[in-house]
N, C-alpha and C. Protein backbone atom coordinates (compact mmCIF):
# COMPACT_ATOMS: atom_id res chain seq x y z
N MET A 1 0.85 -1.20 0.00
CA MET A 1 0.00 0.00 0.00
C MET A 1 0.88 1.24 0.00
N MET A 2 0.60 2.18 -0.91
CA MET A 2 1.45 3.36 -1.02
C MET A 2 1.16 4.34 0.11
N ALA A 3 2.18 5.08 0.54
CA ALA A 3 2.01 6.07 1.60
C ALA A 3 1.46 7.36 0.99
N ILE A 4 0.32 7.83 1.53
CA ILE A 4 -0.30 9.04 1.02
C ILE A 4 0.14 10.22 1.88
N GLN A 5 0.63 11.27 1.23
CA GLN A 5 1.01 12.47 1.96
C GLN A 5 -0.19 13.41 2.01
N GLN A 6 -0.81 13.48 3.17
CA GLN A 6 -1.99 14.31 3.31
C GLN A 6 -1.62 15.79 3.37
N VAL A 7 -2.55 16.61 2.90
CA VAL A 7 -2.36 18.06 2.95
C VAL A 7 -3.37 18.65 3.92
N PHE A 8 -3.06 19.85 4.42
CA PHE A 8 -3.96 20.49 5.39
C PHE A 8 -5.27 20.85 4.69
N PRO A 9 -6.41 20.49 5.29
CA PRO A 9 -7.70 20.69 4.62
C PRO A 9 -8.18 22.15 4.61
N THR A 10 -7.79 22.89 3.58
CA THR A 10 -8.27 24.26 3.37
C THR A 10 -8.82 24.37 1.96
N LYS A 11 -9.63 25.39 1.73
CA LYS A 11 -10.20 25.60 0.39
C LYS A 11 -9.10 25.88 -0.63
N GLY A 12 -8.08 26.62 -0.20
CA GLY A 12 -6.96 26.91 -1.09
C GLY A 12 -6.24 25.65 -1.52
N ASN A 13 -5.99 24.75 -0.55
CA ASN A 13 -5.34 23.48 -0.87
C ASN A 13 -6.22 22.59 -1.75
N LEU A 14 -7.53 22.66 -1.54
CA LEU A 14 -8.45 21.88 -2.37
C LEU A 14 -8.39 22.33 -3.83
N ILE A 15 -8.41 23.65 -4.03
CA ILE A 15 -8.33 24.20 -5.39
C ILE A 15 -7.00 23.83 -6.04
N ALA A 16 -5.90 23.98 -5.28
CA ALA A 16 -4.56 23.66 -5.81
C ALA A 16 -4.43 22.19 -6.14
N THR A 17 -4.98 21.32 -5.28
CA THR A 17 -4.89 19.87 -5.50
C THR A 17 -5.71 19.46 -6.72
N LYS A 18 -6.88 20.07 -6.88
CA LYS A 18 -7.71 19.77 -8.06
C LYS A 18 -6.99 20.18 -9.34
N LYS A 19 -6.33 21.34 -9.33
CA LYS A 19 -5.58 21.79 -10.51
C LYS A 19 -4.42 20.83 -10.81
N SER A 20 -3.73 20.42 -9.75
CA SER A 20 -2.61 19.48 -9.93
C SER A 20 -3.10 18.15 -10.47
N ASN A 21 -4.26 17.72 -10.00
CA ASN A 21 -4.84 16.46 -10.47
C ASN A 21 -5.22 16.55 -11.95
N ASP A 22 -5.79 17.68 -12.35
CA ASP A 22 -6.14 17.89 -13.76
C ASP A 22 -4.89 17.86 -14.64
N LEU A 23 -3.81 18.48 -14.16
CA LEU A 23 -2.55 18.48 -14.91
C LEU A 23 -1.97 17.08 -15.00
N ALA A 24 -2.07 16.33 -13.91
CA ALA A 24 -1.56 14.95 -13.90
C ALA A 24 -2.34 14.08 -14.88
N LYS A 25 -3.66 14.26 -14.94
CA LYS A 25 -4.48 13.50 -15.89
C LYS A 25 -4.14 13.86 -17.33
N LEU A 26 -3.91 15.16 -17.56
CA LEU A 26 -3.50 15.60 -18.90
C LEU A 26 -2.14 15.01 -19.26
N GLY A 27 -1.23 15.00 -18.27
CA GLY A 27 0.09 14.41 -18.48
C GLY A 27 0.00 12.94 -18.82
N TYR A 28 -0.89 12.23 -18.13
CA TYR A 28 -1.08 10.81 -18.41
C TYR A 28 -1.60 10.60 -19.83
N GLU A 29 -2.59 11.41 -20.24
CA GLU A 29 -3.14 11.29 -21.60
C GLU A 29 -2.06 11.53 -22.65
N LEU A 30 -1.20 12.53 -22.41
CA LEU A 30 -0.12 12.84 -23.35
C LEU A 30 0.91 11.72 -23.41
N MET A 31 1.27 11.18 -22.24
CA MET A 31 2.24 10.08 -22.19
C MET A 31 1.68 8.84 -22.88
N ASP A 32 0.39 8.57 -22.65
CA ASP A 32 -0.24 7.41 -23.26
C ASP A 32 -0.32 7.59 -24.77
N ARG A 33 -0.64 8.80 -25.20
CA ARG A 33 -0.70 9.09 -26.65
C ARG A 33 0.69 8.97 -27.27
N LYS A 34 1.69 9.50 -26.58
CA LYS A 34 3.07 9.41 -27.07
C LYS A 34 3.49 7.95 -27.21
N ARG A 35 3.18 7.15 -26.19
CA ARG A 35 3.54 5.72 -26.22
C ARG A 35 2.87 5.02 -27.40
N ASN A 36 1.60 5.31 -27.64
CA ASN A 36 0.88 4.68 -28.75
C ASN A 36 1.46 5.06 -30.10
N ILE A 37 1.77 6.36 -30.28
CA ILE A 37 2.33 6.82 -31.55
C ILE A 37 3.71 6.20 -31.79
N LEU A 38 4.54 6.19 -30.74
CA LEU A 38 5.88 5.60 -30.87
C LEU A 38 5.81 4.10 -31.14
N THR A 39 4.84 3.44 -30.52
CA THR A 39 4.67 2.00 -30.74
C THR A 39 4.27 1.72 -32.18
N ARG A 40 3.37 2.53 -32.72
CA ARG A 40 2.98 2.36 -34.13
C ARG A 40 4.17 2.57 -35.06
N GLU A 41 4.97 3.59 -34.74
CA GLU A 41 6.18 3.87 -35.53
C GLU A 41 7.14 2.68 -35.46
N MET A 42 7.29 2.13 -34.28
CA MET A 42 8.21 1.01 -34.09
C MET A 42 7.71 -0.24 -34.80
N MET A 43 6.42 -0.51 -34.74
CA MET A 43 5.87 -1.69 -35.40
C MET A 43 6.06 -1.63 -36.91
N GLY A 44 5.93 -0.42 -37.47
CA GLY A 44 6.18 -0.25 -38.90
C GLY A 44 7.61 -0.56 -39.28
N LEU A 45 8.56 -0.19 -38.40
CA LEU A 45 9.98 -0.45 -38.68
C LEU A 45 10.33 -1.92 -38.48
N LEU A 46 9.63 -2.60 -37.58
CA LEU A 46 9.93 -4.01 -37.33
C LEU A 46 9.74 -4.86 -38.58
N ASP A 47 8.71 -4.56 -39.36
CA ASP A 47 8.50 -5.29 -40.62
C ASP A 47 9.66 -5.05 -41.57
N ASP A 48 10.12 -3.77 -41.62
CA ASP A 48 11.23 -3.43 -42.51
C ASP A 48 12.52 -4.14 -42.10
N VAL A 49 12.78 -4.16 -40.77
CA VAL A 49 14.05 -4.72 -40.31
C VAL A 49 14.11 -6.23 -40.53
N LYS A 50 12.98 -6.91 -40.43
CA LYS A 50 12.95 -8.35 -40.69
C LYS A 50 13.34 -8.63 -42.14
N LYS A 51 12.75 -7.87 -43.06
CA LYS A 51 13.06 -8.05 -44.48
C LYS A 51 14.52 -7.70 -44.77
N LEU A 52 14.99 -6.61 -44.15
CA LEU A 52 16.36 -6.16 -44.37
C LEU A 52 17.38 -7.19 -43.88
N ARG A 53 17.12 -7.76 -42.71
CA ARG A 53 18.06 -8.74 -42.15
C ARG A 53 18.13 -10.00 -43.00
N ALA A 54 16.98 -10.41 -43.51
CA ALA A 54 16.98 -11.57 -44.41
C ALA A 54 17.72 -11.24 -45.70
N GLU A 55 17.49 -10.03 -46.21
CA GLU A 55 18.11 -9.62 -47.46
C GLU A 55 19.62 -9.45 -47.30
N ILE A 56 20.04 -8.85 -46.18
CA ILE A 56 21.47 -8.60 -45.99
C ILE A 56 22.21 -9.90 -45.70
N SER A 57 21.54 -10.85 -45.06
CA SER A 57 22.16 -12.14 -44.80
C SER A 57 22.47 -12.85 -46.12
N PHE A 58 21.51 -12.80 -47.03
CA PHE A 58 21.72 -13.41 -48.34
C PHE A 58 22.81 -12.66 -49.11
N ALA A 59 22.80 -11.31 -49.00
CA ALA A 59 23.77 -10.49 -49.73
C ALA A 59 25.19 -10.77 -49.25
N TYR A 60 25.37 -10.95 -47.93
CA TYR A 60 26.70 -11.26 -47.39
C TYR A 60 27.17 -12.63 -47.87
N GLU A 61 26.28 -13.60 -47.87
CA GLU A 61 26.65 -14.94 -48.35
C GLU A 61 27.10 -14.88 -49.81
N GLU A 62 26.33 -14.16 -50.60
CA GLU A 62 26.65 -14.04 -52.02
C GLU A 62 27.97 -13.31 -52.22
N ALA A 63 28.19 -12.24 -51.42
CA ALA A 63 29.41 -11.44 -51.57
C ALA A 63 30.65 -12.25 -51.18
N TYR A 64 30.58 -12.98 -50.06
CA TYR A 64 31.75 -13.75 -49.64
C TYR A 64 32.01 -14.94 -50.56
N SER A 65 30.94 -15.48 -51.13
CA SER A 65 31.12 -16.54 -52.11
C SER A 65 31.81 -16.00 -53.35
N ALA A 66 31.39 -14.80 -53.77
CA ALA A 66 32.02 -14.16 -54.94
C ALA A 66 33.48 -13.81 -54.65
N LEU A 67 33.75 -13.37 -53.42
CA LEU A 67 35.12 -13.03 -53.03
C LEU A 67 36.01 -14.28 -53.05
N GLN A 68 35.46 -15.38 -52.57
CA GLN A 68 36.21 -16.63 -52.56
C GLN A 68 36.58 -17.06 -53.98
N LYS A 69 35.64 -16.92 -54.90
CA LYS A 69 35.91 -17.27 -56.30
C LYS A 69 36.95 -16.35 -56.91
N ALA A 70 36.88 -15.05 -56.54
CA ALA A 70 37.86 -14.09 -57.04
C ALA A 70 39.25 -14.42 -56.52
N ASN A 71 39.32 -14.79 -55.23
CA ASN A 71 40.61 -15.18 -54.65
C ASN A 71 41.17 -16.43 -55.31
N MET A 72 40.28 -17.37 -55.61
CA MET A 72 40.72 -18.61 -56.24
C MET A 72 41.23 -18.37 -57.66
N SER A 73 40.62 -17.41 -58.34
CA SER A 73 41.02 -17.17 -59.73
C SER A 73 42.22 -16.24 -59.85
N LEU A 74 42.41 -15.35 -58.85
CA LEU A 74 43.46 -14.34 -58.95
C LEU A 74 44.53 -14.47 -57.87
N GLY A 75 44.30 -15.37 -56.90
CA GLY A 75 45.18 -15.40 -55.74
C GLY A 75 44.64 -14.41 -54.71
N VAL A 76 45.33 -14.21 -53.61
CA VAL A 76 44.87 -13.28 -52.58
C VAL A 76 44.88 -11.87 -53.15
N ILE A 77 43.74 -11.19 -53.03
CA ILE A 77 43.58 -9.89 -53.71
C ILE A 77 43.62 -8.73 -52.72
N SER A 78 44.33 -8.91 -51.59
CA SER A 78 44.38 -7.86 -50.58
C SER A 78 44.96 -6.56 -51.12
N ASP A 79 45.96 -6.65 -52.03
CA ASP A 79 46.56 -5.44 -52.60
C ASP A 79 45.55 -4.68 -53.46
N ILE A 80 44.67 -5.43 -54.15
CA ILE A 80 43.62 -4.80 -54.96
C ILE A 80 42.58 -4.15 -54.05
N VAL A 81 42.24 -4.86 -52.98
CA VAL A 81 41.25 -4.33 -52.04
C VAL A 81 41.72 -3.01 -51.43
N GLU A 82 43.01 -2.94 -51.10
CA GLU A 82 43.56 -1.73 -50.50
C GLU A 82 43.52 -0.54 -51.45
N SER A 83 43.39 -0.79 -52.72
CA SER A 83 43.35 0.30 -53.70
C SER A 83 41.96 0.92 -53.81
N VAL A 84 40.96 0.28 -53.21
CA VAL A 84 39.59 0.82 -53.26
C VAL A 84 39.54 2.09 -52.41
N PRO A 85 39.12 3.22 -52.95
CA PRO A 85 39.10 4.48 -52.20
C PRO A 85 38.03 4.48 -51.11
N LEU A 86 38.26 5.30 -50.08
CA LEU A 86 37.28 5.45 -49.01
C LEU A 86 36.03 6.14 -49.54
N ASP A 87 34.90 5.72 -49.04
CA ASP A 87 33.62 6.30 -49.45
C ASP A 87 33.19 7.33 -48.41
N ASN A 88 33.14 8.59 -48.80
CA ASN A 88 32.75 9.67 -47.88
C ASN A 88 31.36 10.23 -48.20
N GLY A 89 30.54 9.42 -48.83
CA GLY A 89 29.24 9.92 -49.27
C GLY A 89 28.12 9.80 -48.25
N LEU A 90 28.47 9.51 -46.98
CA LEU A 90 27.44 9.28 -45.96
C LEU A 90 27.28 10.52 -45.08
N SER A 91 26.03 10.93 -44.85
CA SER A 91 25.75 12.04 -43.95
C SER A 91 24.56 11.68 -43.07
N LEU A 92 24.39 12.43 -41.99
CA LEU A 92 23.38 12.10 -40.99
C LEU A 92 22.52 13.30 -40.64
N THR A 93 21.19 13.10 -40.63
CA THR A 93 20.25 14.10 -40.14
C THR A 93 19.29 13.39 -39.17
N TYR A 94 18.40 14.17 -38.59
CA TYR A 94 17.44 13.59 -37.64
C TYR A 94 16.03 14.07 -37.96
N ARG A 95 15.05 13.23 -37.66
CA ARG A 95 13.65 13.63 -37.72
C ARG A 95 13.04 13.36 -36.35
N SER A 96 12.11 14.20 -35.95
CA SER A 96 11.54 14.10 -34.61
C SER A 96 10.17 13.43 -34.66
N VAL A 97 10.01 12.41 -33.82
CA VAL A 97 8.72 11.74 -33.66
C VAL A 97 8.33 11.86 -32.19
N MET A 98 7.37 12.73 -31.88
CA MET A 98 6.94 12.97 -30.50
C MET A 98 8.13 13.28 -29.59
N GLY A 99 9.05 14.10 -30.10
CA GLY A 99 10.20 14.50 -29.30
C GLY A 99 11.36 13.54 -29.31
N VAL A 100 11.22 12.42 -29.98
CA VAL A 100 12.31 11.43 -30.08
C VAL A 100 13.07 11.67 -31.38
N GLU A 101 14.36 11.91 -31.27
CA GLU A 101 15.19 12.18 -32.44
C GLU A 101 15.57 10.87 -33.12
N ILE A 102 15.02 10.67 -34.31
CA ILE A 102 15.28 9.45 -35.08
C ILE A 102 16.31 9.76 -36.16
N PRO A 103 17.43 9.02 -36.20
CA PRO A 103 18.48 9.30 -37.19
C PRO A 103 18.05 8.92 -38.60
N LYS A 104 18.49 9.71 -39.55
CA LYS A 104 18.24 9.46 -40.97
C LYS A 104 19.57 9.53 -41.70
N LEU A 105 19.98 8.39 -42.27
CA LEU A 105 21.25 8.33 -43.00
C LEU A 105 21.02 8.65 -44.47
N HIS A 106 21.86 9.50 -44.99
CA HIS A 106 21.77 9.88 -46.41
C HIS A 106 23.05 9.43 -47.11
N TYR A 107 22.88 8.69 -48.17
CA TYR A 107 24.05 8.21 -48.91
C TYR A 107 24.07 8.84 -50.30
N GLN A 108 25.13 9.58 -50.55
CA GLN A 108 25.29 10.21 -51.85
C GLN A 108 25.90 9.20 -52.82
N LYS A 109 25.01 8.60 -53.60
CA LYS A 109 25.47 7.57 -54.53
C LYS A 109 26.22 8.19 -55.71
N GLU A 110 27.31 7.59 -56.02
CA GLU A 110 28.09 8.04 -57.17
C GLU A 110 28.18 6.89 -58.18
N VAL A 111 28.54 7.27 -59.38
CA VAL A 111 28.71 6.24 -60.42
C VAL A 111 29.86 5.33 -60.00
N MET A 112 29.55 4.03 -59.96
CA MET A 112 30.57 3.08 -59.51
C MET A 112 31.72 2.99 -60.51
N LYS A 113 32.92 3.18 -59.99
CA LYS A 113 34.12 3.08 -60.83
C LYS A 113 35.05 2.04 -60.23
N LEU A 114 35.51 1.15 -61.05
CA LEU A 114 36.46 0.15 -60.58
C LEU A 114 37.81 0.82 -60.35
N SER A 115 38.39 0.57 -59.19
CA SER A 115 39.64 1.25 -58.83
C SER A 115 40.88 0.45 -59.24
N TYR A 116 40.68 -0.65 -59.91
CA TYR A 116 41.81 -1.47 -60.35
C TYR A 116 41.76 -1.61 -61.87
N GLY A 117 42.88 -1.90 -62.45
CA GLY A 117 42.95 -2.03 -63.90
C GLY A 117 42.42 -3.37 -64.40
N PHE A 118 42.14 -3.45 -65.67
CA PHE A 118 41.60 -4.68 -66.26
C PHE A 118 42.61 -5.82 -66.20
N LEU A 119 43.89 -5.47 -66.21
CA LEU A 119 44.92 -6.51 -66.18
C LEU A 119 44.98 -7.21 -64.83
N LYS A 120 44.63 -6.49 -63.76
CA LYS A 120 44.68 -7.07 -62.41
C LYS A 120 43.41 -7.84 -62.04
N GLY A 121 42.32 -7.54 -62.73
CA GLY A 121 41.05 -8.14 -62.33
C GLY A 121 40.49 -9.07 -63.38
N ASN A 122 39.30 -9.59 -63.08
CA ASN A 122 38.56 -10.43 -64.02
C ASN A 122 37.06 -10.33 -63.67
N SER A 123 36.24 -11.12 -64.31
CA SER A 123 34.79 -11.04 -64.09
C SER A 123 34.40 -11.46 -62.66
N TYR A 124 35.17 -12.40 -62.07
CA TYR A 124 34.88 -12.82 -60.69
C TYR A 124 35.10 -11.66 -59.71
N LEU A 125 36.18 -10.95 -59.92
CA LEU A 125 36.48 -9.81 -59.05
C LEU A 125 35.45 -8.70 -59.24
N ASP A 126 35.09 -8.46 -60.51
CA ASP A 126 34.08 -7.43 -60.79
C ASP A 126 32.77 -7.75 -60.09
N TYR A 127 32.38 -9.01 -60.13
CA TYR A 127 31.12 -9.43 -59.51
C TYR A 127 31.19 -9.30 -57.99
N ALA A 128 32.35 -9.67 -57.40
CA ALA A 128 32.54 -9.53 -55.96
C ALA A 128 32.46 -8.06 -55.55
N TYR A 129 33.05 -7.21 -56.39
CA TYR A 129 33.02 -5.76 -56.12
C TYR A 129 31.58 -5.25 -56.10
N LEU A 130 30.79 -5.68 -57.06
CA LEU A 130 29.38 -5.29 -57.14
C LEU A 130 28.59 -5.82 -55.94
N CYS A 131 28.88 -7.07 -55.56
CA CYS A 131 28.18 -7.68 -54.42
C CYS A 131 28.44 -6.92 -53.12
N PHE A 132 29.71 -6.55 -52.89
CA PHE A 132 30.03 -5.84 -51.66
C PHE A 132 29.51 -4.40 -51.68
N HIS A 133 29.37 -3.85 -52.86
CA HIS A 133 28.74 -2.52 -52.97
C HIS A 133 27.28 -2.62 -52.52
N ARG A 134 26.61 -3.66 -52.91
CA ARG A 134 25.21 -3.87 -52.50
C ARG A 134 25.12 -4.11 -50.99
N VAL A 135 26.09 -4.87 -50.46
CA VAL A 135 26.15 -5.10 -49.01
C VAL A 135 26.29 -3.77 -48.28
N LYS A 136 27.10 -2.88 -48.80
CA LYS A 136 27.31 -1.57 -48.17
C LYS A 136 26.00 -0.78 -48.11
N ILE A 137 25.25 -0.76 -49.20
CA ILE A 137 23.98 -0.03 -49.24
C ILE A 137 22.99 -0.61 -48.23
N LEU A 138 22.91 -1.94 -48.19
CA LEU A 138 21.98 -2.59 -47.26
C LEU A 138 22.40 -2.37 -45.81
N THR A 139 23.71 -2.35 -45.54
CA THR A 139 24.22 -2.13 -44.18
C THR A 139 23.87 -0.73 -43.70
N ILE A 140 23.98 0.24 -44.58
CA ILE A 140 23.61 1.62 -44.23
C ILE A 140 22.14 1.69 -43.85
N THR A 141 21.29 1.07 -44.67
CA THR A 141 19.85 1.08 -44.40
C THR A 141 19.52 0.36 -43.10
N LEU A 142 20.16 -0.80 -42.88
CA LEU A 142 19.90 -1.57 -41.66
C LEU A 142 20.38 -0.81 -40.42
N ALA A 143 21.53 -0.14 -40.52
CA ALA A 143 22.05 0.63 -39.38
C ALA A 143 21.07 1.74 -39.00
N GLU A 144 20.49 2.38 -40.01
CA GLU A 144 19.52 3.44 -39.76
C GLU A 144 18.28 2.90 -39.04
N VAL A 145 17.75 1.78 -39.54
CA VAL A 145 16.54 1.20 -38.96
C VAL A 145 16.80 0.65 -37.57
N ASP A 146 17.93 -0.03 -37.38
CA ASP A 146 18.27 -0.60 -36.07
C ASP A 146 18.40 0.50 -35.01
N ASN A 147 19.06 1.59 -35.40
CA ASN A 147 19.25 2.70 -34.46
C ASN A 147 17.91 3.34 -34.11
N ALA A 148 17.04 3.48 -35.12
CA ALA A 148 15.71 4.04 -34.89
C ALA A 148 14.91 3.15 -33.93
N LEU A 149 14.99 1.84 -34.13
CA LEU A 149 14.28 0.90 -33.26
C LEU A 149 14.77 1.00 -31.81
N PHE A 150 16.08 1.11 -31.65
CA PHE A 150 16.67 1.21 -30.32
C PHE A 150 16.17 2.46 -29.60
N ARG A 151 16.19 3.59 -30.31
CA ARG A 151 15.75 4.86 -29.70
C ARG A 151 14.26 4.84 -29.39
N LEU A 152 13.48 4.27 -30.29
CA LEU A 152 12.03 4.19 -30.07
C LEU A 152 11.70 3.30 -28.89
N ALA A 153 12.40 2.16 -28.79
CA ALA A 153 12.17 1.23 -27.68
C ALA A 153 12.48 1.89 -26.34
N GLN A 154 13.57 2.65 -26.29
CA GLN A 154 13.93 3.36 -25.06
C GLN A 154 12.87 4.39 -24.69
N ALA A 155 12.42 5.16 -25.70
CA ALA A 155 11.42 6.20 -25.47
C ALA A 155 10.08 5.60 -25.03
N ILE A 156 9.73 4.46 -25.61
CA ILE A 156 8.47 3.79 -25.24
C ILE A 156 8.53 3.33 -23.79
N ARG A 157 9.66 2.78 -23.38
CA ARG A 157 9.81 2.34 -21.99
C ARG A 157 9.68 3.52 -21.02
N LYS A 158 10.30 4.65 -21.36
CA LYS A 158 10.22 5.83 -20.50
C LYS A 158 8.80 6.36 -20.43
N ALA A 159 8.13 6.43 -21.59
CA ALA A 159 6.75 6.93 -21.63
C ALA A 159 5.83 6.02 -20.83
N GLN A 160 6.04 4.70 -20.96
CA GLN A 160 5.22 3.73 -20.22
C GLN A 160 5.45 3.86 -18.72
N LYS A 161 6.71 4.05 -18.33
CA LYS A 161 7.04 4.19 -16.91
C LYS A 161 6.40 5.44 -16.32
N ARG A 162 6.47 6.55 -17.06
CA ARG A 162 5.88 7.80 -16.58
C ARG A 162 4.36 7.71 -16.53
N ALA A 163 3.77 7.09 -17.56
CA ALA A 163 2.31 6.93 -17.60
C ALA A 163 1.84 6.07 -16.43
N ASN A 164 2.57 5.00 -16.14
CA ASN A 164 2.20 4.12 -15.02
C ASN A 164 2.31 4.85 -13.68
N ALA A 165 3.37 5.67 -13.54
CA ALA A 165 3.55 6.42 -12.29
C ALA A 165 2.41 7.42 -12.08
N LEU A 166 2.02 8.09 -13.16
CA LEU A 166 0.91 9.04 -13.06
C LEU A 166 -0.41 8.33 -12.74
N LYS A 167 -0.65 7.24 -13.45
CA LYS A 167 -1.91 6.52 -13.31
C LYS A 167 -2.04 5.82 -11.95
N ASN A 168 -0.95 5.20 -11.50
CA ASN A 168 -1.03 4.33 -10.32
C ASN A 168 -0.58 4.99 -9.02
N ILE A 169 0.15 6.11 -9.11
CA ILE A 169 0.67 6.75 -7.89
C ILE A 169 0.20 8.20 -7.76
N VAL A 170 0.55 9.02 -8.74
CA VAL A 170 0.32 10.46 -8.62
C VAL A 170 -1.17 10.80 -8.59
N ILE A 171 -1.92 10.33 -9.60
CA ILE A 171 -3.35 10.65 -9.69
C ILE A 171 -4.14 10.09 -8.50
N PRO A 172 -3.94 8.81 -8.11
CA PRO A 172 -4.64 8.31 -6.92
C PRO A 172 -4.35 9.12 -5.66
N GLU A 173 -3.10 9.60 -5.53
CA GLU A 173 -2.75 10.40 -4.35
C GLU A 173 -3.50 11.73 -4.36
N PHE A 174 -3.55 12.37 -5.53
CA PHE A 174 -4.29 13.63 -5.63
C PHE A 174 -5.78 13.41 -5.33
N GLU A 175 -6.34 12.34 -5.89
CA GLU A 175 -7.77 12.07 -5.71
C GLU A 175 -8.09 11.73 -4.25
N TYR A 176 -7.17 11.03 -3.60
CA TYR A 176 -7.35 10.74 -2.17
C TYR A 176 -7.38 12.04 -1.37
N ASN A 177 -6.44 12.94 -1.67
CA ASN A 177 -6.37 14.22 -0.94
C ASN A 177 -7.57 15.11 -1.24
N ILE A 178 -8.05 15.07 -2.48
CA ILE A 178 -9.25 15.84 -2.83
C ILE A 178 -10.44 15.35 -1.99
N LYS A 179 -10.58 14.03 -1.89
CA LYS A 179 -11.66 13.44 -1.11
C LYS A 179 -11.49 13.78 0.38
N PHE A 180 -10.26 13.65 0.86
CA PHE A 180 -9.97 13.94 2.27
C PHE A 180 -10.28 15.40 2.61
N ILE A 181 -9.81 16.33 1.78
CA ILE A 181 -10.04 17.76 2.04
C ILE A 181 -11.52 18.10 1.93
N SER A 182 -12.17 17.56 0.88
CA SER A 182 -13.60 17.84 0.69
C SER A 182 -14.42 17.38 1.89
N GLU A 183 -14.14 16.16 2.36
CA GLU A 183 -14.88 15.62 3.51
C GLU A 183 -14.58 16.42 4.77
N ALA A 184 -13.32 16.82 4.94
CA ALA A 184 -12.94 17.60 6.13
C ALA A 184 -13.63 18.96 6.11
N LEU A 185 -13.68 19.61 4.93
CA LEU A 185 -14.34 20.91 4.82
C LEU A 185 -15.85 20.79 5.03
N GLU A 186 -16.43 19.72 4.50
CA GLU A 186 -17.87 19.50 4.70
C GLU A 186 -18.19 19.29 6.18
N GLU A 187 -17.34 18.53 6.84
CA GLU A 187 -17.52 18.29 8.27
C GLU A 187 -17.38 19.60 9.06
N LYS A 188 -16.43 20.42 8.65
CA LYS A 188 -16.21 21.71 9.30
C LYS A 188 -17.42 22.62 9.10
N GLU A 189 -18.00 22.59 7.88
CA GLU A 189 -19.19 23.39 7.59
C GLU A 189 -20.39 22.93 8.41
N ARG A 190 -20.52 21.60 8.57
CA ARG A 190 -21.62 21.08 9.39
C ARG A 190 -21.48 21.51 10.85
N GLU A 191 -20.23 21.44 11.33
CA GLU A 191 -19.98 21.85 12.71
C GLU A 191 -20.26 23.34 12.90
N GLU A 192 -19.85 24.13 11.88
CA GLU A 192 -20.09 25.57 11.96
C GLU A 192 -21.58 25.87 11.90
N PHE A 193 -22.30 25.13 11.05
CA PHE A 193 -23.75 25.31 10.95
C PHE A 193 -24.43 24.98 12.27
N SER A 194 -24.00 23.87 12.87
CA SER A 194 -24.58 23.46 14.16
C SER A 194 -24.27 24.49 15.24
N ARG A 195 -23.05 25.01 15.22
CA ARG A 195 -22.66 26.01 16.22
C ARG A 195 -23.49 27.29 16.08
N GLN A 196 -23.66 27.72 14.82
CA GLN A 196 -24.45 28.93 14.57
C GLN A 196 -25.91 28.73 14.99
N LYS A 197 -26.40 27.50 14.76
CA LYS A 197 -27.79 27.20 15.13
C LYS A 197 -27.97 27.26 16.64
N VAL A 198 -26.99 26.71 17.39
CA VAL A 198 -27.04 26.75 18.85
C VAL A 198 -27.00 28.19 19.35
N ILE A 199 -26.12 29.00 18.74
CA ILE A 199 -26.00 30.41 19.13
C ILE A 199 -27.32 31.14 18.89
N LYS A 200 -27.96 30.86 17.75
CA LYS A 200 -29.24 31.50 17.42
C LYS A 200 -30.32 31.11 18.41
N LEU A 201 -30.36 29.82 18.75
CA LEU A 201 -31.36 29.35 19.71
C LEU A 201 -31.16 29.98 21.08
N ASN A 202 -29.92 30.12 21.49
CA ASN A 202 -29.61 30.74 22.78
C ASN A 202 -30.04 32.20 22.80
N LYS A 203 -29.81 32.90 21.68
CA LYS A 203 -30.22 34.30 21.59
C LYS A 203 -31.74 34.44 21.67
N GLU A 204 -32.42 33.51 20.98
CA GLU A 204 -33.89 33.55 21.00
C GLU A 204 -34.42 33.29 22.40
N LYS A 205 -33.78 32.38 23.15
CA LYS A 205 -34.21 32.08 24.50
C LYS A 205 -34.02 33.31 25.42
N LYS A 206 -32.89 33.97 25.25
CA LYS A 206 -32.62 35.16 26.05
C LYS A 206 -33.63 36.28 25.78
N MET A 207 -33.99 36.39 24.46
CA MET A 207 -34.95 37.43 24.10
C MET A 207 -36.35 37.16 24.68
N ARG A 208 -36.71 35.89 24.83
CA ARG A 208 -38.02 35.53 25.35
C ARG A 208 -38.07 35.64 26.87
N SER A 209 -36.92 35.47 27.51
CA SER A 209 -36.90 35.46 28.97
C SER A 209 -36.87 36.88 29.57
């Protein structure tokens, strides 16, 4: 059973407690709405990530198989691999979903150019190069979706925790105090009414005597 912190029963405290309770209820509605919107966003991404993981798994298998064939036909191609230039076409922005910053990766695609000469390579190497290029594109997409899922999951947990605290602790405490103050004030009014009635009766008796 939670410990209720009672407040002194005055009209001012009753008004303040009612206002706080209204704000807590509004906060709960907003947290619940935020959780629902984030959950819908997350569920939409879950379908994408399942497809992406299956696709990237196949792409990696195909790429490493192609690399193995290239190595078998040309020998170890580490010197050719080292000649591939670094790709600096990746940039990052964010979009906001109910205050949650979701990363968006942008890849500036360029015309693919082979960085090795025809004398050093063959069709197996060319195919491996194309396969790993596809793996790179899929990895970028998967990294974006995975990061978004992680952030959304964290935000959903926080929203759920806050909503539960408002619903199960804060709001019940305010409502208990509203009831306590209201009953105390009503009792005080009844006592005051009874006291005034006794005073009136005593005055009437004195006037008659």
